[in-house]
């Protein structure tokens, strides 16, 4: 079965999605941005200003969630659109950055919006979801778990030869999303025996073997989140 990997970096008002095929060929991006000047259709879009300018905090939150619910439905359609007609059976592996480091109200807001995307992916019978904490994403891409956005950009450009700067302010999310898409792709290849752990850079190998208090079992011994029919 052919497969496509998707990297998803989702936050409250902005998000980035990158698609790769099983060979690592870049298939495109979709993103949600804060500044209108960075929204370049059909790839980029902003949350409507009438929602963002609503002064009622509760109403604004509900309006935003309603809009995001429809946006993530469109992202799901975009994911399907990455597949050519020649593919009859295609699996989609989605790696998403978790919000484990967020605190308080920020965690609640991110959890609500990210939860919509998780649910959208879970509803797809051909899609397998994996959550990665921010430390693992940075470690995988840069060999440093505390890497900043500048180092993430440099790592993606240097290691994979990909330049996403043309997407302006959305590039930060897209560089993270690209790394996540590669995380999903490499995990699939390791599981299929096409790549051995000892062949990977140190940081990537550590991600697959890493255990934490939240995840006492390493990545390769944990199943993808998948909806069984």
C-alpha atoms as a PDB file:
ATOM      1  CA  UNK A   1       0.000   0.000   0.000  1.00  0.00           C
ATOM      2  CA  UNK A   2       1.274   3.462  -0.894  1.00  0.00           C
ATOM      3  CA  UNK A   3       1.384   6.105   1.789  1.00  0.00           C
ATOM      4  CA  UNK A   4       1.689   9.838   2.295  1.00  0.00           C
ATOM      5  CA  UNK A   5       2.920  11.547   5.446  1.00  0.00           C
ATOM      6  CA  UNK A   6       1.545  14.794   6.820  1.00  0.00           C
ATOM      7  CA  UNK A   7       3.214  17.063   9.359  1.00  0.00           C
ATOM      8  CA  UNK A   8       0.818  19.213  11.385  1.00  0.00           C
ATOM      9  CA  UNK A   9       1.801  22.109  13.643  1.00  0.00           C
ATOM     10  CA  UNK A  10      -1.456  23.455  15.071  1.00  0.00           C
ATOM     11  CA  UNK A  11      -1.999  26.421  17.393  1.00  0.00           C
ATOM     12  CA  UNK A  12      -4.901  28.716  18.277  1.00  0.00           C
ATOM     13  CA  UNK A  13      -4.727  31.258  15.444  1.00  0.00           C
ATOM     14  CA  UNK A  14      -2.133  29.735  13.133  1.00  0.00           C
ATOM     15  CA  UNK A  15      -1.137  26.322  11.789  1.00  0.00           C
ATOM     16  CA  UNK A  16       1.049  24.659   9.197  1.00  0.00           C
ATOM     17  CA  UNK A  17       0.636  21.419   7.252  1.00  0.00           C
ATOM     18  CA  UNK A  18       3.206  19.767   4.971  1.00  0.00           C
ATOM     19  CA  UNK A  19       2.704  16.673   2.797  1.00  0.00           C
ATOM     20  CA  UNK A  20       5.433  14.273   1.622  1.00  0.00           C
ATOM     21  CA  UNK A  21       5.266  11.071  -0.362  1.00  0.00           C
ATOM     22  CA  UNK A  22       6.983   7.874   0.782  1.00  0.00           C
ATOM     23  CA  UNK A  23      10.206   8.878  -0.985  1.00  0.00           C
ATOM     24  CA  UNK A  24      10.222  12.233   0.809  1.00  0.00           C
ATOM     25  CA  UNK A  25       9.129  14.203  -2.252  1.00  0.00           C
ATOM     26  CA  UNK A  26       7.481  17.488  -1.264  1.00  0.00           C
ATOM     27  CA  UNK A  27       3.766  17.452  -2.171  1.00  0.00           C
ATOM     28  CA  UNK A  28       2.709  20.873  -0.926  1.00  0.00           C
ATOM     29  CA  UNK A  29       1.594  22.914   2.065  1.00  0.00           C
ATOM     30  CA  UNK A  30      -1.545  24.288   3.644  1.00  0.00           C
ATOM     31  CA  UNK A  31      -1.432  26.911   6.360  1.00  0.00           C
ATOM     32  CA  UNK A  32      -3.398  29.213   8.616  1.00  0.00           C
ATOM     33  CA  UNK A  33      -1.722  32.522   9.372  1.00  0.00           C
ATOM     34  CA  UNK A  34      -2.238  35.589  11.533  1.00  0.00           C
ATOM     35  CA  UNK A  35      -1.289  38.335   9.073  1.00  0.00           C
ATOM     36  CA  UNK A  36      -3.359  38.840   5.943  1.00  0.00           C
ATOM     37  CA  UNK A  37      -0.248  39.659   3.902  1.00  0.00           C
ATOM     38  CA  UNK A  38       1.065  36.143   4.540  1.00  0.00           C
ATOM     39  CA  UNK A  39      -2.121  34.465   3.302  1.00  0.00           C
ATOM     40  CA  UNK A  40      -1.463  33.346  -0.258  1.00  0.00           C
ATOM     41  CA  UNK A  41      -4.396  31.316  -1.599  1.00  0.00           C
ATOM     42  CA  UNK A  42      -4.910  28.502  -2.200  1.00  0.00           C
ATOM     43  CA  UNK A  43      -2.230  27.406   0.305  1.00  0.00           C
ATOM     44  CA  UNK A  44      -2.753  30.073   2.958  1.00  0.00           C
ATOM     45  CA  UNK A  45      -5.721  31.607   4.731  1.00  0.00           C
ATOM     46  CA  UNK A  46      -6.431  33.804   7.788  1.00  0.00           C
ATOM     47  CA  UNK A  47      -9.210  33.548  10.329  1.00  0.00           C
ATOM     48  CA  UNK A  48     -11.774  36.205   9.275  1.00  0.00           C
ATOM     49  CA  UNK A  49     -11.274  39.572  10.953  1.00  0.00           C
ATOM     50  CA  UNK A  50     -14.894  39.750  12.089  1.00  0.00           C
ATOM     51  CA  UNK A  51     -14.141  36.759  14.306  1.00  0.00           C
ATOM     52  CA  UNK A  52     -10.795  38.013  15.592  1.00  0.00           C
ATOM     53  CA  UNK A  53     -12.210  41.472  16.392  1.00  0.00           C
ATOM     54  CA  UNK A  54     -15.217  40.200  18.323  1.00  0.00           C
ATOM     55  CA  UNK A  55     -15.004  41.777  21.793  1.00  0.00           C
ATOM     56  CA  UNK A  56     -16.992  39.072  23.557  1.00  0.00           C
ATOM     57  CA  UNK A  57     -14.309  36.559  24.573  1.00  0.00           C
ATOM     58  CA  UNK A  58     -16.660  33.587  24.853  1.00  0.00           C
ATOM     59  CA  UNK A  59     -18.432  34.354  21.588  1.00  0.00           C
ATOM     60  CA  UNK A  60     -15.123  34.912  19.800  1.00  0.00           C
ATOM     61  CA  UNK A  61     -13.858  31.549  21.024  1.00  0.00           C
ATOM     62  CA  UNK A  62     -16.978  29.742  19.826  1.00  0.00           C
ATOM     63  CA  UNK A  63     -16.986  31.503  16.461  1.00  0.00           C
ATOM     64  CA  UNK A  64     -13.325  30.638  15.993  1.00  0.00           C
ATOM     65  CA  UNK A  65     -13.900  26.973  16.870  1.00  0.00           C
ATOM     66  CA  UNK A  66     -16.809  26.796  14.435  1.00  0.00           C
ATOM     67  CA  UNK A  67     -14.683  28.323  11.667  1.00  0.00           C
ATOM     68  CA  UNK A  68     -11.695  26.087  12.472  1.00  0.00           C
ATOM     69  CA  UNK A  69     -13.903  23.014  12.395  1.00  0.00           C
ATOM     70  CA  UNK A  70     -14.767  23.813   8.775  1.00  0.00           C
ATOM     71  CA  UNK A  71     -11.152  24.747   7.984  1.00  0.00           C
ATOM     72  CA  UNK A  72      -9.857  21.402   9.240  1.00  0.00           C
ATOM     73  CA  UNK A  73     -12.485  19.714   7.097  1.00  0.00           C
ATOM     74  CA  UNK A  74     -10.960  21.579   4.152  1.00  0.00           C
ATOM     75  CA  UNK A  75      -7.488  20.439   5.248  1.00  0.00           C
ATOM     76  CA  UNK A  76      -8.766  16.855   5.210  1.00  0.00           C
ATOM     77  CA  UNK A  77      -9.910  17.391   1.635  1.00  0.00           C
ATOM     78  CA  UNK A  78      -6.523  18.907   0.795  1.00  0.00           C
ATOM     79  CA  UNK A  79      -4.799  15.820   2.206  1.00  0.00           C
ATOM     80  CA  UNK A  80      -6.870  13.585  -0.065  1.00  0.00           C
ATOM     81  CA  UNK A  81      -5.971  15.870  -2.954  1.00  0.00           C
ATOM     82  CA  UNK A  82      -2.274  15.029  -2.533  1.00  0.00           C
ATOM     83  CA  UNK A  83      -3.021  11.602  -3.996  1.00  0.00           C
ATOM     84  CA  UNK A  84      -3.140  11.103  -7.739  1.00  0.00           C
ATOM     85  CA  UNK A  85      -5.868   9.052  -9.355  1.00  0.00           C
ATOM     86  CA  UNK A  86      -3.386   6.247  -9.982  1.00  0.00           C
ATOM     87  CA  UNK A  87      -3.465   5.410  -6.265  1.00  0.00           C
ATOM     88  CA  UNK A  88      -6.330   3.125  -5.323  1.00  0.00           C
ATOM     89  CA  UNK A  89      -5.243   2.349  -1.767  1.00  0.00           C
ATOM     90  CA  UNK A  90      -3.278   4.992   0.118  1.00  0.00           C
ATOM     91  CA  UNK A  91      -2.579   5.261   3.833  1.00  0.00           C
ATOM     92  CA  UNK A  92      -1.988   8.633   5.465  1.00  0.00           C
ATOM     93  CA  UNK A  93       0.374   8.960   8.422  1.00  0.00           C
ATOM     94  CA  UNK A  94      -0.086  12.226  10.291  1.00  0.00           C
ATOM     95  CA  UNK A  95       2.485  13.446  12.815  1.00  0.00           C
ATOM     96  CA  UNK A  96       1.215  16.310  14.953  1.00  0.00           C
ATOM     97  CA  UNK A  97       3.002  18.418  17.533  1.00  0.00           C
ATOM     98  CA  UNK A  98       1.455  17.988  20.964  1.00  0.00           C
ATOM     99  CA  UNK A  99       0.940  20.929  23.324  1.00  0.00           C
ATOM    100  CA  UNK A 100       2.505  19.311  26.377  1.00  0.00           C
ATOM    101  CA  UNK A 101       4.527  22.419  27.281  1.00  0.00           C
ATOM    102  CA  UNK A 102       1.588  24.847  27.226  1.00  0.00           C
ATOM    103  CA  UNK A 103       0.162  25.979  30.558  1.00  0.00           C
ATOM    104  CA  UNK A 104      -3.093  27.252  31.988  1.00  0.00           C
ATOM    105  CA  UNK A 105      -5.515  29.036  29.677  1.00  0.00           C
ATOM    106  CA  UNK A 106      -3.109  28.696  26.746  1.00  0.00           C
ATOM    107  CA  UNK A 107      -3.213  24.912  27.075  1.00  0.00           C
ATOM    108  CA  UNK A 108      -7.013  25.011  27.190  1.00  0.00           C
ATOM    109  CA  UNK A 109      -7.238  27.103  24.016  1.00  0.00           C
ATOM    110  CA  UNK A 110      -4.678  25.053  22.113  1.00  0.00           C
ATOM    111  CA  UNK A 111      -6.284  21.851  23.349  1.00  0.00           C
ATOM    112  CA  UNK A 112      -9.693  22.916  22.062  1.00  0.00           C
ATOM    113  CA  UNK A 113      -8.434  23.896  18.613  1.00  0.00           C
ATOM    114  CA  UNK A 114      -5.950  21.020  18.256  1.00  0.00           C
ATOM    115  CA  UNK A 115      -8.633  18.613  19.414  1.00  0.00           C
ATOM    116  CA  UNK A 116     -10.737  19.530  16.405  1.00  0.00           C
ATOM    117  CA  UNK A 117      -7.931  18.548  14.053  1.00  0.00           C
ATOM    118  CA  UNK A 118      -7.229  15.315  15.936  1.00  0.00           C
ATOM    119  CA  UNK A 119     -10.894  14.385  15.707  1.00  0.00           C
ATOM    120  CA  UNK A 120     -10.974  15.188  11.985  1.00  0.00           C
ATOM    121  CA  UNK A 121      -7.999  12.876  11.418  1.00  0.00           C
ATOM    122  CA  UNK A 122      -9.405  10.127  13.655  1.00  0.00           C
ATOM    123  CA  UNK A 123     -12.625  10.061  11.631  1.00  0.00           C
ATOM    124  CA  UNK A 124     -10.635   9.057   8.548  1.00  0.00           C
ATOM    125  CA  UNK A 125     -10.439   5.261   8.330  1.00  0.00           C
ATOM    126  CA  UNK A 126      -7.263   5.386   6.210  1.00  0.00           C
ATOM    127  CA  UNK A 127      -5.345   7.749   8.511  1.00  0.00           C
ATOM    128  CA  UNK A 128      -2.912   7.009  11.346  1.00  0.00           C
ATOM    129  CA  UNK A 129      -2.145   9.733  13.882  1.00  0.00           C
ATOM    130  CA  UNK A 130       0.967  10.224  16.013  1.00  0.00           C
ATOM    131  CA  UNK A 131       1.528  12.972  18.607  1.00  0.00           C
ATOM    132  CA  UNK A 132       5.041  14.249  19.308  1.00  0.00           C
ATOM    133  CA  UNK A 133       6.021  16.549  22.161  1.00  0.00           C
ATOM    134  CA  UNK A 134       7.961  19.699  21.147  1.00  0.00           C
ATOM    135  CA  UNK A 135      11.219  18.357  22.616  1.00  0.00           C
ATOM    136  CA  UNK A 136      11.111  15.314  20.337  1.00  0.00           C
ATOM    137  CA  UNK A 137      10.369  17.403  17.241  1.00  0.00           C
ATOM    138  CA  UNK A 138      13.351  19.654  17.919  1.00  0.00           C
ATOM    139  CA  UNK A 139      15.596  16.729  18.812  1.00  0.00           C
ATOM    140  CA  UNK A 140      14.678  14.899  15.609  1.00  0.00           C
ATOM    141  CA  UNK A 141      15.379  17.881  13.360  1.00  0.00           C
ATOM    142  CA  UNK A 142      18.379  19.476  15.075  1.00  0.00           C
ATOM    143  CA  UNK A 143      19.868  16.974  17.581  1.00  0.00           C
ATOM    144  CA  UNK A 144      18.982  19.559  20.257  1.00  0.00           C
ATOM    145  CA  UNK A 145      15.774  19.304  22.266  1.00  0.00           C
ATOM    146  CA  UNK A 146      15.809  23.003  23.167  1.00  0.00           C
ATOM    147  CA  UNK A 147      16.338  24.330  19.621  1.00  0.00           C
ATOM    148  CA  UNK A 148      14.722  27.660  18.752  1.00  0.00           C
ATOM    149  CA  UNK A 149      12.848  28.553  15.553  1.00  0.00           C
ATOM    150  CA  UNK A 150      16.017  29.817  13.861  1.00  0.00           C
ATOM    151  CA  UNK A 151      17.812  26.527  14.424  1.00  0.00           C
ATOM    152  CA  UNK A 152      14.769  24.561  13.238  1.00  0.00           C
ATOM    153  CA  UNK A 153      14.750  26.558  10.006  1.00  0.00           C
ATOM    154  CA  UNK A 154      18.477  26.071   9.520  1.00  0.00           C
ATOM    155  CA  UNK A 155      18.227  22.330  10.184  1.00  0.00           C
ATOM    156  CA  UNK A 156      15.416  21.761   7.686  1.00  0.00           C
ATOM    157  CA  UNK A 157      17.168  23.838   5.034  1.00  0.00           C
ATOM    158  CA  UNK A 158      20.538  22.154   5.615  1.00  0.00           C
ATOM    159  CA  UNK A 159      19.583  18.526   6.263  1.00  0.00           C
ATOM    160  CA  UNK A 160      16.682  18.193   3.824  1.00  0.00           C
ATOM    161  CA  UNK A 161      17.470  21.058   1.445  1.00  0.00           C
ATOM    162  CA  UNK A 162      14.008  22.607   1.760  1.00  0.00           C
ATOM    163  CA  UNK A 163      13.384  26.375   1.731  1.00  0.00           C
ATOM    164  CA  UNK A 164       9.951  27.490   2.959  1.00  0.00           C
ATOM    165  CA  UNK A 165      10.768  31.176   3.460  1.00  0.00           C
ATOM    166  CA  UNK A 166       8.521  32.112   0.529  1.00  0.00           C
ATOM    167  CA  UNK A 167       5.552  31.600   2.848  1.00  0.00           C
ATOM    168  CA  UNK A 168       6.524  34.617   4.964  1.00  0.00           C
ATOM    169  CA  UNK A 169       5.327  34.618   8.544  1.00  0.00           C
ATOM    170  CA  UNK A 170       3.812  31.160   8.095  1.00  0.00           C
ATOM    171  CA  UNK A 171       7.253  29.646   7.456  1.00  0.00           C
ATOM    172  CA  UNK A 172       7.931  29.032  11.170  1.00  0.00           C
ATOM    173  CA  UNK A 173       4.953  26.691  11.441  1.00  0.00           C
ATOM    174  CA  UNK A 174       5.780  25.065   8.110  1.00  0.00           C
ATOM    175  CA  UNK A 175       9.374  24.277   9.062  1.00  0.00           C
ATOM    176  CA  UNK A 176       8.071  22.498  12.163  1.00  0.00           C
ATOM    177  CA  UNK A 177       5.414  20.754  10.074  1.00  0.00           C
ATOM    178  CA  UNK A 178       8.033  19.625   7.566  1.00  0.00           C
ATOM    179  CA  UNK A 179      10.105  18.054  10.346  1.00  0.00           C
ATOM    180  CA  UNK A 180       6.970  16.323  11.633  1.00  0.00           C
ATOM    181  CA  UNK A 181       6.182  14.929   8.171  1.00  0.00           C
ATOM    182  CA  UNK A 182       9.697  13.509   8.031  1.00  0.00           C
ATOM    183  CA  UNK A 183       9.243  12.018  11.510  1.00  0.00           C
ATOM    184  CA  UNK A 184       6.187  10.134  10.280  1.00  0.00           C
ATOM    185  CA  UNK A 185       7.946   9.015   7.093  1.00  0.00           C
ATOM    186  CA  UNK A 186      11.043   7.758   8.878  1.00  0.00           C
ATOM    187  CA  UNK A 187       8.948   5.944  11.489  1.00  0.00           C
ATOM    188  CA  UNK A 188       7.068   4.091   8.750  1.00  0.00           C
ATOM    189  CA  UNK A 189      10.339   3.158   7.053  1.00  0.00           C
ATOM    190  CA  UNK A 190      11.878   1.928  10.311  1.00  0.00           C
ATOM    191  CA  UNK A 191       8.803  -0.191  11.006  1.00  0.00           C
ATOM    192  CA  UNK A 192       8.957  -1.616   7.476  1.00  0.00           C
ATOM    193  CA  UNK A 193      12.624  -2.500   7.906  1.00  0.00           C
ATOM    194  CA  UNK A 194      13.735  -0.154   5.132  1.00  0.00           C
ATOM    195  CA  UNK A 195      15.866   1.862   7.571  1.00  0.00           C
ATOM    196  CA  UNK A 196      17.716   0.583  10.626  1.00  0.00           C
ATOM    197  CA  UNK A 197      17.929   2.690  13.764  1.00  0.00           C
ATOM    198  CA  UNK A 198      21.727   2.598  13.710  1.00  0.00           C
ATOM    199  CA  UNK A 199      21.646   4.290  10.290  1.00  0.00           C
ATOM    200  CA  UNK A 200      19.874   7.358  11.673  1.00  0.00           C
ATOM    201  CA  UNK A 201      21.503  10.494  13.112  1.00  0.00           C
ATOM    202  CA  UNK A 202      21.852  10.449  16.895  1.00  0.00           C
ATOM    203  CA  UNK A 203      18.946  12.827  17.546  1.00  0.00           C
ATOM    204  CA  UNK A 204      16.540  10.868  15.361  1.00  0.00           C
ATOM    205  CA  UNK A 205      17.546   7.572  16.935  1.00  0.00           C
ATOM    206  CA  UNK A 206      17.007   9.030  20.411  1.00  0.00           C
ATOM    207  CA  UNK A 207      13.471  10.092  19.475  1.00  0.00           C
ATOM    208  CA  UNK A 208      12.506   6.528  18.585  1.00  0.00           C
ATOM    209  CA  UNK A 209      14.044   5.056  21.740  1.00  0.00           C
ATOM    210  CA  UNK A 210      13.119   7.859  24.150  1.00  0.00           C
ATOM    211  CA  UNK A 211      10.868   7.179  27.137  1.00  0.00           C
ATOM    212  CA  UNK A 212       9.313   9.783  29.435  1.00  0.00           C
ATOM    213  CA  UNK A 213       7.044   9.874  32.452  1.00  0.00           C
ATOM    214  CA  UNK A 214       4.115  10.582  30.137  1.00  0.00           C
ATOM    215  CA  UNK A 215       5.203   7.864  27.681  1.00  0.00           C
ATOM    216  CA  UNK A 216       7.072   5.094  29.541  1.00  0.00           C
ATOM    217  CA  UNK A 217       7.115   2.971  26.366  1.00  0.00           C
ATOM    218  CA  UNK A 218       9.302   3.955  23.423  1.00  0.00           C
ATOM    219  CA  UNK A 219       7.796   5.172  20.167  1.00  0.00           C
ATOM    220  CA  UNK A 220       8.297   1.976  18.188  1.00  0.00           C
ATOM    221  CA  UNK A 221       6.417  -0.039  20.812  1.00  0.00           C
ATOM    222  CA  UNK A 222       3.421   2.303  20.680  1.00  0.00           C
ATOM    223  CA  UNK A 223       0.735   1.878  18.050  1.00  0.00           C
ATOM    224  CA  UNK A 224      -0.425   4.693  15.806  1.00  0.00           C
ATOM    225  CA  UNK A 225      -3.780   6.175  16.795  1.00  0.00           C
ATOM    226  CA  UNK A 226      -6.180   4.700  14.259  1.00  0.00           C
ATOM    227  CA  UNK A 227      -9.931   4.274  14.048  1.00  0.00           C
ATOM    228  CA  UNK A 228     -10.833   0.657  13.487  1.00  0.00           C
ATOM    229  CA  UNK A 229     -13.914   0.146  11.364  1.00  0.00           C
END
